[in-house]
C-alpha atoms as a PDB file:
ATOM      1  CA  UNK A   1      11.488   2.092 -11.342  1.00  0.00           C
ATOM      2  CA  UNK A   2       9.465  -0.407  -9.287  1.00  0.00           C
ATOM      3  CA  UNK A   3      10.823  -2.384  -6.401  1.00  0.00           C
ATOM      4  CA  UNK A   4      10.062  -5.798  -7.648  1.00  0.00           C
ATOM      5  CA  UNK A   5      11.672  -4.785 -11.328  1.00  0.00           C
ATOM      6  CA  UNK A   6      14.819  -3.490  -9.790  1.00  0.00           C
ATOM      7  CA  UNK A   7      14.948  -6.487  -7.590  1.00  0.00           C
ATOM      8  CA  UNK A   8      14.541  -8.892 -10.690  1.00  0.00           C
ATOM      9  CA  UNK A   9      17.577  -6.956 -12.470  1.00  0.00           C
ATOM     10  CA  UNK A  10      19.789  -6.966  -9.617  1.00  0.00           C
ATOM     11  CA  UNK A  11      19.432 -10.672  -8.948  1.00  0.00           C
ATOM     12  CA  UNK A  12      20.166 -11.418 -12.379  1.00  0.00           C
ATOM     13  CA  UNK A  13      23.399  -9.289 -12.362  1.00  0.00           C
ATOM     14  CA  UNK A  14      24.530 -11.060  -9.192  1.00  0.00           C
ATOM     15  CA  UNK A  15      23.458 -14.516 -11.293  1.00  0.00           C
ATOM     16  CA  UNK A  16      25.481 -13.558 -13.963  1.00  0.00           C
ATOM     17  CA  UNK A  17      28.771 -12.206 -12.644  1.00  0.00           C
ATOM     18  CA  UNK A  18      27.844 -10.941  -8.683  1.00  0.00           C
ATOM     19  CA  UNK A  19      28.879 -14.133  -7.275  1.00  0.00           C
ATOM     20  CA  UNK A  20      32.087 -15.049  -8.221  1.00  0.00           C
ATOM     21  CA  UNK A  21      33.049 -11.601  -6.570  1.00  0.00           C
ATOM     22  CA  UNK A  22      31.132 -12.335  -3.507  1.00  0.00           C
ATOM     23  CA  UNK A  23      32.842 -15.199  -3.242  1.00  0.00           C
ATOM     24  CA  UNK A  24      36.111 -13.883  -3.794  1.00  0.00           C
ATOM     25  CA  UNK A  25      35.702 -11.286  -0.789  1.00  0.00           C
ATOM     26  CA  UNK A  26      34.272 -13.398   1.746  1.00  0.00           C
ATOM     27  CA  UNK A  27      37.716 -15.496   1.126  1.00  0.00           C
ATOM     28  CA  UNK A  28      39.313 -11.790   1.965  1.00  0.00           C
ATOM     29  CA  UNK A  29      37.784 -11.371   4.982  1.00  0.00           C
ATOM     30  CA  UNK A  30      39.519 -12.658   8.218  1.00  0.00           C
ATOM     31  CA  UNK A  31      39.093 -16.207   9.482  1.00  0.00           C
ATOM     32  CA  UNK A  32      36.356 -16.549  12.286  1.00  0.00           C
ATOM     33  CA  UNK A  33      32.647 -15.714  12.882  1.00  0.00           C
ATOM     34  CA  UNK A  34      31.004 -12.740  11.909  1.00  0.00           C
ATOM     35  CA  UNK A  35      29.065 -10.833  14.713  1.00  0.00           C
ATOM     36  CA  UNK A  36      25.948  -8.889  14.638  1.00  0.00           C
ATOM     37  CA  UNK A  37      25.244  -6.810  17.406  1.00  0.00           C
ATOM     38  CA  UNK A  38      21.619  -6.063  18.561  1.00  0.00           C
ATOM     39  CA  UNK A  39      21.047  -3.256  21.047  1.00  0.00           C
ATOM     40  CA  UNK A  40      17.846  -4.880  22.068  1.00  0.00           C
ATOM     41  CA  UNK A  41      17.310  -7.906  24.231  1.00  0.00           C
ATOM     42  CA  UNK A  42      16.668 -11.434  22.595  1.00  0.00           C
ATOM     43  CA  UNK A  43      13.021 -11.994  21.258  1.00  0.00           C
ATOM     44  CA  UNK A  44      12.529  -8.158  21.070  1.00  0.00           C
ATOM     45  CA  UNK A  45      11.171  -6.870  17.877  1.00  0.00           C
ATOM     46  CA  UNK A  46      14.355  -5.461  16.665  1.00  0.00           C
ATOM     47  CA  UNK A  47      16.375  -8.694  17.460  1.00  0.00           C
ATOM     48  CA  UNK A  48      13.814 -10.901  15.335  1.00  0.00           C
ATOM     49  CA  UNK A  49      15.053  -8.182  12.182  1.00  0.00           C
ATOM     50  CA  UNK A  50      18.665  -8.848  13.103  1.00  0.00           C
ATOM     51  CA  UNK A  51      18.446 -12.239  13.381  1.00  0.00           C
ATOM     52  CA  UNK A  52      16.605 -12.686   9.919  1.00  0.00           C
ATOM     53  CA  UNK A  53      19.046 -10.523   8.238  1.00  0.00           C
ATOM     54  CA  UNK A  54      22.012 -12.744  10.148  1.00  0.00           C
ATOM     55  CA  UNK A  55      20.513 -15.636   8.608  1.00  0.00           C
ATOM     56  CA  UNK A  56      20.420 -14.320   5.321  1.00  0.00           C
ATOM     57  CA  UNK A  57      23.873 -12.777   5.369  1.00  0.00           C
ATOM     58  CA  UNK A  58      25.444 -16.221   6.144  1.00  0.00           C
ATOM     59  CA  UNK A  59      25.548 -17.567   2.560  1.00  0.00           C
ATOM     60  CA  UNK A  60      26.672 -14.521   1.051  1.00  0.00           C
ATOM     61  CA  UNK A  61      29.678 -14.078   3.350  1.00  0.00           C
ATOM     62  CA  UNK A  62      30.350 -17.718   3.468  1.00  0.00           C
ATOM     63  CA  UNK A  63      30.720 -17.423   7.230  1.00  0.00           C
ATOM     64  CA  UNK A  64      28.756 -18.051  10.598  1.00  0.00           C
ATOM     65  CA  UNK A  65      27.099 -15.307  11.498  1.00  0.00           C
ATOM     66  CA  UNK A  66      26.613 -14.890  15.404  1.00  0.00           C
ATOM     67  CA  UNK A  67      23.799 -12.432  16.782  1.00  0.00           C
ATOM     68  CA  UNK A  68      24.809 -10.965  20.126  1.00  0.00           C
ATOM     69  CA  UNK A  69      22.476  -8.694  22.167  1.00  0.00           C
ATOM     70  CA  UNK A  70      23.970  -6.067  24.017  1.00  0.00           C
ATOM     71  CA  UNK A  71      20.916  -4.182  25.437  1.00  0.00           C
ATOM     72  CA  UNK A  72      21.182  -1.377  27.914  1.00  0.00           C
ATOM     73  CA  UNK A  73      21.767   2.503  28.339  1.00  0.00           C
ATOM     74  CA  UNK A  74      19.247   3.266  25.166  1.00  0.00           C
ATOM     75  CA  UNK A  75      21.404   1.408  22.861  1.00  0.00           C
ATOM     76  CA  UNK A  76      24.570   3.035  23.770  1.00  0.00           C
ATOM     77  CA  UNK A  77      26.308  -0.102  25.209  1.00  0.00           C
ATOM     78  CA  UNK A  78      25.843  -1.756  21.929  1.00  0.00           C
ATOM     79  CA  UNK A  79      26.970   1.060  20.292  1.00  0.00           C
ATOM     80  CA  UNK A  80      30.283   1.926  21.824  1.00  0.00           C
ATOM     81  CA  UNK A  81      31.060  -1.686  22.075  1.00  0.00           C
ATOM     82  CA  UNK A  82      30.642  -1.419  17.945  1.00  0.00           C
ATOM     83  CA  UNK A  83      32.640   1.594  17.824  1.00  0.00           C
ATOM     84  CA  UNK A  84      35.677   0.167  19.506  1.00  0.00           C
ATOM     85  CA  UNK A  85      35.684  -3.426  18.010  1.00  0.00           C
ATOM     86  CA  UNK A  86      38.419  -3.955  15.578  1.00  0.00           C
ATOM     87  CA  UNK A  87      37.456  -2.520  11.931  1.00  0.00           C
ATOM     88  CA  UNK A  88      37.730  -5.585   9.869  1.00  0.00           C
ATOM     89  CA  UNK A  89      34.314  -6.315   8.633  1.00  0.00           C
ATOM     90  CA  UNK A  90      33.832  -8.875  11.499  1.00  0.00           C
ATOM     91  CA  UNK A  91      31.438  -7.159  13.676  1.00  0.00           C
ATOM     92  CA  UNK A  92      28.323  -5.627  12.098  1.00  0.00           C
ATOM     93  CA  UNK A  93      25.831  -3.306  14.026  1.00  0.00           C
ATOM     94  CA  UNK A  94      22.069  -3.228  13.165  1.00  0.00           C
ATOM     95  CA  UNK A  95      20.181  -0.726  14.918  1.00  0.00           C
ATOM     96  CA  UNK A  96      17.831   2.071  14.246  1.00  0.00           C
ATOM     97  CA  UNK A  97      19.552   4.966  12.853  1.00  0.00           C
ATOM     98  CA  UNK A  98      16.784   7.192  14.254  1.00  0.00           C
ATOM     99  CA  UNK A  99      17.536   5.909  17.889  1.00  0.00           C
ATOM    100  CA  UNK A 100      21.493   6.900  17.629  1.00  0.00           C
ATOM    101  CA  UNK A 101      20.429  10.161  16.595  1.00  0.00           C
ATOM    102  CA  UNK A 102      18.288  10.825  19.465  1.00  0.00           C
ATOM    103  CA  UNK A 103      20.919   9.672  21.697  1.00  0.00           C
ATOM    104  CA  UNK A 104      23.299  12.507  20.439  1.00  0.00           C
ATOM    105  CA  UNK A 105      20.965  14.625  21.995  1.00  0.00           C
ATOM    106  CA  UNK A 106      19.745  12.752  24.628  1.00  0.00           C
ATOM    107  CA  UNK A 107      22.748  11.724  26.743  1.00  0.00           C
ATOM    108  CA  UNK A 108      24.600  14.572  28.365  1.00  0.00           C
ATOM    109  CA  UNK A 109      27.818  12.729  27.329  1.00  0.00           C
ATOM    110  CA  UNK A 110      27.225  10.269  24.457  1.00  0.00           C
ATOM    111  CA  UNK A 111      29.832   7.540  24.548  1.00  0.00           C
ATOM    112  CA  UNK A 112      31.087   8.248  21.056  1.00  0.00           C
ATOM    113  CA  UNK A 113      30.288  10.707  18.432  1.00  0.00           C
ATOM    114  CA  UNK A 114      28.592   8.101  15.918  1.00  0.00           C
ATOM    115  CA  UNK A 115      29.182  10.236  12.758  1.00  0.00           C
ATOM    116  CA  UNK A 116      32.925   9.782  13.332  1.00  0.00           C
ATOM    117  CA  UNK A 117      33.061   6.524  15.224  1.00  0.00           C
ATOM    118  CA  UNK A 118      30.755   4.644  13.038  1.00  0.00           C
ATOM    119  CA  UNK A 119      30.349   4.312   9.165  1.00  0.00           C
ATOM    120  CA  UNK A 120      26.662   3.421   7.723  1.00  0.00           C
ATOM    121  CA  UNK A 121      27.111   0.396   5.410  1.00  0.00           C
ATOM    122  CA  UNK A 122      23.658  -0.083   4.009  1.00  0.00           C
ATOM    123  CA  UNK A 123      19.928   1.072   4.887  1.00  0.00           C
ATOM    124  CA  UNK A 124      17.775  -1.535   5.548  1.00  0.00           C
ATOM    125  CA  UNK A 125      14.160  -0.215   5.957  1.00  0.00           C
ATOM    126  CA  UNK A 126      12.079   2.567   7.080  1.00  0.00           C
ATOM    127  CA  UNK A 127       9.083   2.248   9.289  1.00  0.00           C
ATOM    128  CA  UNK A 128       6.718   4.686  11.349  1.00  0.00           C
ATOM    129  CA  UNK A 129       5.456   4.443  15.084  1.00  0.00           C
ATOM    130  CA  UNK A 130       1.993   4.101  15.535  1.00  0.00           C
ATOM    131  CA  UNK A 131      -0.754   5.615  17.398  1.00  0.00           C
ATOM    132  CA  UNK A 132      -2.946   2.459  18.819  1.00  0.00           C
ATOM    133  CA  UNK A 133      -6.012   2.209  20.893  1.00  0.00           C
ATOM    134  CA  UNK A 134      -7.527  -1.032  22.366  1.00  0.00           C
ATOM    135  CA  UNK A 135      -9.892  -2.351  19.833  1.00  0.00           C
ATOM    136  CA  UNK A 136     -12.904  -2.595  22.141  1.00  0.00           C
ATOM    137  CA  UNK A 137     -12.689   1.430  22.468  1.00  0.00           C
ATOM    138  CA  UNK A 138     -15.196   3.457  20.246  1.00  0.00           C
ATOM    139  CA  UNK A 139     -12.511   5.325  18.555  1.00  0.00           C
ATOM    140  CA  UNK A 140     -12.138   4.209  14.481  1.00  0.00           C
ATOM    141  CA  UNK A 141     -10.498   7.641  13.538  1.00  0.00           C
ATOM    142  CA  UNK A 142      -8.038  10.129  14.851  1.00  0.00           C
ATOM    143  CA  UNK A 143     -10.550  12.661  14.682  1.00  0.00           C
ATOM    144  CA  UNK A 144     -12.911  10.712  17.070  1.00  0.00           C
ATOM    145  CA  UNK A 145     -10.057  10.193  19.882  1.00  0.00           C
ATOM    146  CA  UNK A 146      -8.849  13.834  19.676  1.00  0.00           C
ATOM    147  CA  UNK A 147     -12.444  15.190  20.434  1.00  0.00           C
ATOM    148  CA  UNK A 148     -12.663  12.658  23.287  1.00  0.00           C
ATOM    149  CA  UNK A 149      -9.123  13.738  24.537  1.00  0.00           C
ATOM    150  CA  UNK A 150     -10.124  17.551  24.562  1.00  0.00           C
ATOM    151  CA  UNK A 151     -12.964  16.773  26.441  1.00  0.00           C
ATOM    152  CA  UNK A 152     -11.174  14.495  29.097  1.00  0.00           C
ATOM    153  CA  UNK A 153      -8.433  17.352  29.423  1.00  0.00           C
ATOM    154  CA  UNK A 154      -5.064  16.634  31.887  1.00  0.00           C
ATOM    155  CA  UNK A 155      -7.128  13.543  32.728  1.00  0.00           C
ATOM    156  CA  UNK A 156      -6.443  11.791  29.610  1.00  0.00           C
ATOM    157  CA  UNK A 157      -3.139   9.398  29.520  1.00  0.00           C
ATOM    158  CA  UNK A 158      -1.016   7.810  26.967  1.00  0.00           C
ATOM    159  CA  UNK A 159       1.823   5.255  26.946  1.00  0.00           C
ATOM    160  CA  UNK A 160       5.143   5.039  25.301  1.00  0.00           C
ATOM    161  CA  UNK A 161       8.177   2.623  25.504  1.00  0.00           C
ATOM    162  CA  UNK A 162      10.608   4.030  23.188  1.00  0.00           C
ATOM    163  CA  UNK A 163      12.321   7.530  22.228  1.00  0.00           C
ATOM    164  CA  UNK A 164      10.398   7.608  19.095  1.00  0.00           C
ATOM    165  CA  UNK A 165       7.041   6.943  20.540  1.00  0.00           C
ATOM    166  CA  UNK A 166       7.553   9.579  23.305  1.00  0.00           C
ATOM    167  CA  UNK A 167       8.604  12.146  20.333  1.00  0.00           C
ATOM    168  CA  UNK A 168       5.372  10.994  18.085  1.00  0.00           C
ATOM    169  CA  UNK A 169       3.227  11.338  21.493  1.00  0.00           C
ATOM    170  CA  UNK A 170       4.538  15.157  22.051  1.00  0.00           C
ATOM    171  CA  UNK A 171       3.933  16.314  18.410  1.00  0.00           C
ATOM    172  CA  UNK A 172       0.315  14.753  18.730  1.00  0.00           C
ATOM    173  CA  UNK A 173      -0.025  16.671  21.917  1.00  0.00           C
ATOM    174  CA  UNK A 174       1.263  19.728  20.455  1.00  0.00           C
ATOM    175  CA  UNK A 175      -0.341  20.015  17.081  1.00  0.00           C
ATOM    176  CA  UNK A 176      -4.018  18.798  18.568  1.00  0.00           C
ATOM    177  CA  UNK A 177      -3.267  20.923  21.387  1.00  0.00           C
ATOM    178  CA  UNK A 178      -4.445  18.478  24.012  1.00  0.00           C
ATOM    179  CA  UNK A 179      -3.150  18.361  27.710  1.00  0.00           C
ATOM    180  CA  UNK A 180      -2.637  14.272  27.757  1.00  0.00           C
ATOM    181  CA  UNK A 181      -0.250  12.734  30.514  1.00  0.00           C
ATOM    182  CA  UNK A 182       2.673  10.568  29.020  1.00  0.00           C
ATOM    183  CA  UNK A 183       2.828   7.481  30.951  1.00  0.00           C
ATOM    184  CA  UNK A 184       6.922   5.691  30.377  1.00  0.00           C
ATOM    185  CA  UNK A 185       6.890   1.848  29.833  1.00  0.00           C
ATOM    186  CA  UNK A 186      10.050  -0.615  29.997  1.00  0.00           C
ATOM    187  CA  UNK A 187       8.712  -2.529  27.192  1.00  0.00           C
ATOM    188  CA  UNK A 188       5.528  -2.050  24.632  1.00  0.00           C
ATOM    189  CA  UNK A 189       4.018  -5.089  25.718  1.00  0.00           C
ATOM    190  CA  UNK A 190       3.680  -3.799  29.254  1.00  0.00           C
ATOM    191  CA  UNK A 191       1.336  -1.067  28.261  1.00  0.00           C
ATOM    192  CA  UNK A 192      -1.104  -3.704  26.906  1.00  0.00           C
ATOM    193  CA  UNK A 193      -3.144  -4.305  29.870  1.00  0.00           C
ATOM    194  CA  UNK A 194      -3.388  -0.482  31.078  1.00  0.00           C
ATOM    195  CA  UNK A 195      -4.754  -0.108  27.373  1.00  0.00           C
ATOM    196  CA  UNK A 196      -7.198  -3.087  27.771  1.00  0.00           C
ATOM    197  CA  UNK A 197      -8.567  -1.779  31.168  1.00  0.00           C
ATOM    198  CA  UNK A 198      -8.822   2.178  29.983  1.00  0.00           C
ATOM    199  CA  UNK A 199      -5.961   3.130  32.685  1.00  0.00           C
ATOM    200  CA  UNK A 200      -4.321   5.083  29.757  1.00  0.00           C
ATOM    201  CA  UNK A 201      -6.381   6.115  26.387  1.00  0.00           C
ATOM    202  CA  UNK A 202      -3.732   5.758  23.973  1.00  0.00           C
ATOM    203  CA  UNK A 203      -0.397   4.422  22.951  1.00  0.00           C
ATOM    204  CA  UNK A 204       2.591   5.540  20.739  1.00  0.00           C
ATOM    205  CA  UNK A 205       4.090   2.154  19.769  1.00  0.00           C
ATOM    206  CA  UNK A 206       6.810   0.397  17.583  1.00  0.00           C
ATOM    207  CA  UNK A 207       5.633  -1.295  14.482  1.00  0.00           C
ATOM    208  CA  UNK A 208       7.039  -4.555  15.025  1.00  0.00           C
ATOM    209  CA  UNK A 209       5.243  -4.970  18.200  1.00  0.00           C
ATOM    210  CA  UNK A 210       2.061  -3.246  16.802  1.00  0.00           C
ATOM    211  CA  UNK A 211       1.120  -5.225  13.859  1.00  0.00           C
ATOM    212  CA  UNK A 212       1.544  -8.578  15.649  1.00  0.00           C
ATOM    213  CA  UNK A 213      -1.094  -7.404  18.044  1.00  0.00           C
ATOM    214  CA  UNK A 214      -3.288  -5.891  15.439  1.00  0.00           C
ATOM    215  CA  UNK A 215      -3.135  -9.270  13.332  1.00  0.00           C
ATOM    216  CA  UNK A 216      -4.846 -10.850  16.728  1.00  0.00           C
ATOM    217  CA  UNK A 217      -6.756  -8.354  17.360  1.00  0.00           C
ATOM    218  CA  UNK A 218      -5.633  -6.747  20.328  1.00  0.00           C
ATOM    219  CA  UNK A 219      -4.858  -3.049  19.147  1.00  0.00           C
ATOM    220  CA  UNK A 220      -6.418  -0.721  16.551  1.00  0.00           C
ATOM    221  CA  UNK A 221      -3.642   1.464  14.462  1.00  0.00           C
ATOM    222  CA  UNK A 222      -5.463   5.095  13.911  1.00  0.00           C
ATOM    223  CA  UNK A 223      -2.502   6.702  12.569  1.00  0.00           C
ATOM    224  CA  UNK A 224       1.376   6.508  11.755  1.00  0.00           C
ATOM    225  CA  UNK A 225       4.100   8.786  12.267  1.00  0.00           C
ATOM    226  CA  UNK A 226       5.588   9.007   8.702  1.00  0.00           C
ATOM    227  CA  UNK A 227       4.565  11.673   6.135  1.00  0.00           C
ATOM    228  CA  UNK A 228       3.295   9.567   3.626  1.00  0.00           C
ATOM    229  CA  UNK A 229       1.743   5.970   3.797  1.00  0.00           C
ATOM    230  CA  UNK A 230       3.618   2.682   3.547  1.00  0.00           C
ATOM    231  CA  UNK A 231       3.563   0.726   0.383  1.00  0.00           C
ATOM    232  CA  UNK A 232       3.768  -2.335   2.615  1.00  0.00           C
ATOM    233  CA  UNK A 233       0.780  -1.392   4.593  1.00  0.00           C
ATOM    234  CA  UNK A 234      -1.147   1.205   2.401  1.00  0.00           C
ATOM    235  CA  UNK A 235      -4.677   1.073   4.616  1.00  0.00           C
ATOM    236  CA  UNK A 236      -2.733   2.756   7.428  1.00  0.00           C
ATOM    237  CA  UNK A 237      -3.460   6.068   6.974  1.00  0.00           C
ATOM    238  CA  UNK A 238      -0.696   8.962   8.182  1.00  0.00           C
ATOM    239  CA  UNK A 239      -1.137  11.573  11.266  1.00  0.00           C
ATOM    240  CA  UNK A 240      -0.395  14.349   8.607  1.00  0.00           C
ATOM    241  CA  UNK A 241      -3.338  13.294   6.285  1.00  0.00           C
ATOM    242  CA  UNK A 242      -5.714  13.295   9.293  1.00  0.00           C
ATOM    243  CA  UNK A 243      -4.627  17.254  10.199  1.00  0.00           C
ATOM    244  CA  UNK A 244      -2.060  16.499  12.553  1.00  0.00           C
ATOM    245  CA  UNK A 245       1.416  17.342  10.804  1.00  0.00           C
ATOM    246  CA  UNK A 246       4.318  15.322  11.240  1.00  0.00           C
ATOM    247  CA  UNK A 247       6.890  13.221   9.330  1.00  0.00           C
ATOM    248  CA  UNK A 248       8.670  11.124  11.611  1.00  0.00           C
ATOM    249  CA  UNK A 249      10.272   7.892  10.249  1.00  0.00           C
ATOM    250  CA  UNK A 250      12.345   5.298  11.826  1.00  0.00           C
ATOM    251  CA  UNK A 251      14.788   3.169   9.988  1.00  0.00           C
ATOM    252  CA  UNK A 252      17.035   0.133  10.126  1.00  0.00           C
ATOM    253  CA  UNK A 253      20.855   0.414   9.081  1.00  0.00           C
ATOM    254  CA  UNK A 254      23.837  -1.464   9.216  1.00  0.00           C
ATOM    255  CA  UNK A 255      27.060  -0.127  10.475  1.00  0.00           C
ATOM    256  CA  UNK A 256      30.615  -0.747  11.198  1.00  0.00           C
ATOM    257  CA  UNK A 257      33.419   1.117  12.896  1.00  0.00           C
ATOM    258  CA  UNK A 258      34.927   3.856  10.801  1.00  0.00           C
ATOM    259  CA  UNK A 259      38.069   2.561   9.955  1.00  0.00           C
ATOM    260  CA  UNK A 260      36.844  -0.138   8.091  1.00  0.00           C
ATOM    261  CA  UNK A 261      38.511  -0.566   4.734  1.00  0.00           C
ATOM    262  CA  UNK A 262      36.154   1.132   2.038  1.00  0.00           C
ATOM    263  CA  UNK A 263      36.259  -2.203  -0.201  1.00  0.00           C
ATOM    264  CA  UNK A 264      34.547  -4.164   2.713  1.00  0.00           C
ATOM    265  CA  UNK A 265      31.733  -1.449   3.280  1.00  0.00           C
ATOM    266  CA  UNK A 266      31.320  -1.469  -0.294  1.00  0.00           C
ATOM    267  CA  UNK A 267      30.739  -5.308  -0.579  1.00  0.00           C
ATOM    268  CA  UNK A 268      28.758  -5.729   2.600  1.00  0.00           C
ATOM    269  CA  UNK A 269      26.523  -2.907   0.987  1.00  0.00           C
ATOM    270  CA  UNK A 270      26.380  -5.235  -1.900  1.00  0.00           C
ATOM    271  CA  UNK A 271      25.217  -7.977   0.228  1.00  0.00           C
ATOM    272  CA  UNK A 272      22.643  -6.418   2.282  1.00  0.00           C
ATOM    273  CA  UNK A 273      21.116  -4.597  -0.949  1.00  0.00           C
ATOM    274  CA  UNK A 274      21.055  -8.150  -2.453  1.00  0.00           C
ATOM    275  CA  UNK A 275      19.144  -9.710   0.585  1.00  0.00           C
ATOM    276  CA  UNK A 276      16.505  -6.470   0.182  1.00  0.00           C
ATOM    277  CA  UNK A 277      15.802  -6.803  -3.322  1.00  0.00           C
ATOM    278  CA  UNK A 278      14.426 -10.315  -2.543  1.00  0.00           C
ATOM    279  CA  UNK A 279      10.811 -10.858  -2.308  1.00  0.00           C
ATOM    280  CA  UNK A 280      11.086 -13.036   0.631  1.00  0.00           C
ATOM    281  CA  UNK A 281      12.808 -10.235   2.631  1.00  0.00           C
ATOM    282  CA  UNK A 282       9.840  -7.672   0.877  1.00  0.00           C
ATOM    283  CA  UNK A 283       7.150  -9.959   2.581  1.00  0.00           C
ATOM    284  CA  UNK A 284       9.306 -10.065   5.815  1.00  0.00           C
ATOM    285  CA  UNK A 285       9.403  -6.329   6.342  1.00  0.00           C
ATOM    286  CA  UNK A 286       5.902  -6.121   5.160  1.00  0.00           C
ATOM    287  CA  UNK A 287       4.795  -7.724   8.208  1.00  0.00           C
ATOM    288  CA  UNK A 288       6.106  -5.043  10.430  1.00  0.00           C
ATOM    289  CA  UNK A 289       4.739  -2.321   8.173  1.00  0.00           C
ATOM    290  CA  UNK A 290       8.233  -1.340   6.912  1.00  0.00           C
ATOM    291  CA  UNK A 291       9.262  -0.477   3.619  1.00  0.00           C
ATOM    292  CA  UNK A 292      12.792  -1.562   1.822  1.00  0.00           C
ATOM    293  CA  UNK A 293      15.404   1.421   2.210  1.00  0.00           C
ATOM    294  CA  UNK A 294      17.986   1.073  -0.549  1.00  0.00           C
ATOM    295  CA  UNK A 295      21.111   3.052  -0.101  1.00  0.00           C
ATOM    296  CA  UNK A 296      24.844   3.608  -1.089  1.00  0.00           C
ATOM    297  CA  UNK A 297      26.891   3.926   1.887  1.00  0.00           C
ATOM    298  CA  UNK A 298      27.314   7.254   1.571  1.00  0.00           C
ATOM    299  CA  UNK A 299      23.907   8.189   1.153  1.00  0.00           C
ATOM    300  CA  UNK A 300      23.236   6.233   4.613  1.00  0.00           C
ATOM    301  CA  UNK A 301      26.012   8.051   6.318  1.00  0.00           C
ATOM    302  CA  UNK A 302      24.325  11.278   4.985  1.00  0.00           C
ATOM    303  CA  UNK A 303      20.830  10.144   6.522  1.00  0.00           C
ATOM    304  CA  UNK A 304      22.304   9.364   9.838  1.00  0.00           C
ATOM    305  CA  UNK A 305      23.671  13.163  10.241  1.00  0.00           C
ATOM    306  CA  UNK A 306      20.412  14.545   8.821  1.00  0.00           C
ATOM    307  CA  UNK A 307      18.690  12.713  11.567  1.00  0.00           C
ATOM    308  CA  UNK A 308      20.943  14.171  14.302  1.00  0.00           C
ATOM    309  CA  UNK A 309      20.179  17.435  13.028  1.00  0.00           C
ATOM    310  CA  UNK A 310      16.458  16.952  13.332  1.00  0.00           C
ATOM    311  CA  UNK A 311      16.346  15.177  16.520  1.00  0.00           C
ATOM    312  CA  UNK A 312      17.709  18.006  18.373  1.00  0.00           C
ATOM    313  CA  UNK A 313      14.178  19.695  17.659  1.00  0.00           C
ATOM    314  CA  UNK A 314      12.117  16.405  18.380  1.00  0.00           C
ATOM    315  CA  UNK A 315      13.904  16.256  22.240  1.00  0.00           C
ATOM    316  CA  UNK A 316      13.013  19.665  22.439  1.00  0.00           C
ATOM    317  CA  UNK A 317       9.380  19.580  21.404  1.00  0.00           C
ATOM    318  CA  UNK A 318       9.135  16.478  23.727  1.00  0.00           C
ATOM    319  CA  UNK A 319      11.022  17.955  26.653  1.00  0.00           C
ATOM    320  CA  UNK A 320      13.533  15.032  26.833  1.00  0.00           C
ATOM    321  CA  UNK A 321      15.459  15.369  30.406  1.00  0.00           C
ATOM    322  CA  UNK A 322      19.149  15.102  29.687  1.00  0.00           C
ATOM    323  CA  UNK A 323      20.365  11.845  30.698  1.00  0.00           C
ATOM    324  CA  UNK A 324      23.834  10.472  32.085  1.00  0.00           C
END
């Protein structure tokens, strides 16, 4: 069923009978403000997503929603904070499940086992990291860039600022048989001057940052990491269809402490899915080349477990050194 049709059906159901039960459950929550925890700094691409959903959740939960940014340790600070929070539905974590899965392999001693400490409430979206070049450069296709990089050998360089970008770069390097040298940046924006000057040849960057730059003609996308094209931006080609096989998807989800009552988990799942069903939200997500990802709590938790298995191999391919 098409998303628009599904959305219309869901919204009609809420209008007919879902609203009363939502208000009733909101009254069952403890008094006080709900905290939405973000693992990245205020103003970052991920923070923008968290604040959007905080605004949309407020009238449904009938509570003030406060966004708290707890950056650091690759997201582990925020993850541990939520895992140890009171399991009453008043602390919700909006974060990329792919990042949490990666941290289970990157850190020698992760602060918590996320599959036991956290319960997924709902998935939010699926998105793909992007291979980008500066628009002043001559390469218009991945094949053209690859040919150039093969000639340049180990003098070629690329930038990344997140684990998913690191892995995408390693997969491209391995499968296209390149010798390019990676350069790590603290933030995606830190790589822009080097891309413009030619100090690095290409970048593997997150879609929230990238699409803002593309819209201002500051970056050109040559390929995305997902196995299929995004419905929101179907003009962006995948790496796979251009001969470099990979299917690396990032995805946001909402999580709560694992002991949170199931009735509360289910209610928040309905609220998040109601937000995702709206045309406004679909347009918001499309700005970042991401598609809505609607699921049950059990499906979301299963996705996290599967992702943790997959990231063991990704970390090996990228030769990521253990931290902590």
